[in-house]
Protein backbone atom coordinates (compact mmCIF):
# COMPACT_ATOMS: atom_id res chain seq x y z
CA PHE A 1 0.78 14.55 -0.22
CA ILE A 2 -2.96 14.02 0.23
CA TYR A 3 -4.93 14.47 3.45
CA LEU A 4 -8.21 12.57 3.24
CA ASP A 5 -11.10 13.29 5.58
CA SER A 6 -13.41 10.63 4.22
CA ALA A 7 -17.19 10.32 4.25
CA HIS A 8 -16.98 7.77 7.08
CA GLU A 9 -19.53 5.51 5.35
CA LYS A 10 -18.64 1.90 4.58
CA GLY A 11 -17.72 1.58 0.93
CA GLU A 12 -17.47 5.32 0.37
CA THR A 13 -14.29 5.50 2.41
CA LEU A 14 -12.80 2.66 0.35
CA LEU A 15 -13.67 4.47 -2.87
CA GLU A 16 -12.12 7.71 -1.60
CA ILE A 17 -8.93 5.99 -0.40
CA SER A 18 -8.59 4.17 -3.73
CA GLN A 19 -9.08 7.33 -5.79
CA ALA A 20 -6.72 9.37 -3.63
CA PHE A 21 -4.03 6.69 -3.76
CA ARG A 22 -4.21 6.68 -7.56
CA LEU A 23 -3.44 10.40 -7.55
CA LEU A 24 -0.23 9.89 -5.58
CA GLY A 25 3.09 9.80 -7.34
CA VAL A 26 5.85 7.43 -6.32
CA GLY A 27 6.90 8.41 -2.81
CA GLY A 28 3.62 10.26 -2.23
CA ILE A 29 1.92 10.12 1.14
CA LEU A 30 -1.78 9.61 1.84
CA VAL A 31 -2.87 10.63 5.33
CA GLY A 32 -6.26 10.24 6.93
CA ASP A 33 -7.99 10.38 10.26
CA ASP A 34 -10.84 8.83 12.21
CA LEU A 35 -9.41 5.32 12.23
CA ASP A 36 -11.57 4.82 15.30
CA TRP A 37 -14.68 4.92 13.04
CA PRO A 38 -15.57 1.29 12.14
CA ALA A 39 -16.26 2.10 8.46
CA VAL A 40 -12.94 3.92 8.07
CA GLU A 41 -10.97 1.12 9.72
CA SER A 42 -12.79 -1.57 7.74
CA ASP A 43 -12.36 0.18 4.39
CA LEU A 44 -8.71 0.97 5.07
CA LYS A 45 -8.08 -2.70 5.85
CA ALA A 46 -9.95 -3.68 2.66
CA PHE A 47 -7.80 -1.28 0.63
CA LEU A 48 -4.61 -2.69 2.10
CA GLN A 49 -5.68 -6.20 1.05
CA THR A 50 -5.59 -5.14 -2.60
CA ALA A 51 -3.28 -2.12 -2.49
CA PRO A 52 -0.18 -1.74 -4.60
CA ASP A 53 3.12 -1.70 -2.73
CA THR A 54 2.92 0.54 0.31
CA ALA A 55 5.33 1.18 3.14
CA GLY A 56 4.30 1.48 6.76
CA ALA A 57 5.45 1.52 10.35
CA ASP A 58 5.80 -1.12 13.00
CA ASP A 59 2.98 -0.34 15.40
CA ASP A 60 2.60 -3.42 17.62
CA LEU A 61 -1.20 -3.29 17.58
CA LEU A 62 -1.56 -3.21 13.80
CA ALA A 63 1.72 -4.74 12.66
CA SER A 64 -0.09 -7.43 10.69
CA LEU A 65 -1.49 -4.84 8.27
CA PRO A 66 1.12 -4.00 5.62
CA GLY A 67 1.37 -0.33 4.77
CA LEU A 68 -0.46 0.96 7.82
CA LEU A 69 0.93 3.50 10.25
CA PHE A 70 -1.40 3.92 13.19
CA CYS A 71 -1.13 6.87 15.52
CA PRO A 72 -2.94 7.06 18.88
CA ASP A 73 -4.98 10.06 17.73
CA GLY A 74 -6.70 7.95 15.07
CA TYR A 75 -4.56 8.99 12.11
CA TRP A 76 -3.18 6.72 9.45
CA VAL A 77 -0.55 7.10 6.72
CA LEU A 78 0.08 5.20 3.48
CA ASP A 79 3.41 5.81 1.81
CA ALA A 80 3.40 4.98 -1.92
């Protein structure tokens, strides 16, 4: 389990998500916040474009993004 409170800067968030995801074992969970920050949302979407297999939820708003679980408070979860 990793909770990531990223730098919130475009590119830096992507780097942090990528590094954290590499540390996860199979079945590990990466959780973050501040999805309402444009850089965080953009970098998370960029990661999901190239991410290894991830599992997610079926949030109607973001259902087109594989591996993304969006919560109304701005949190996100990637399940390895």
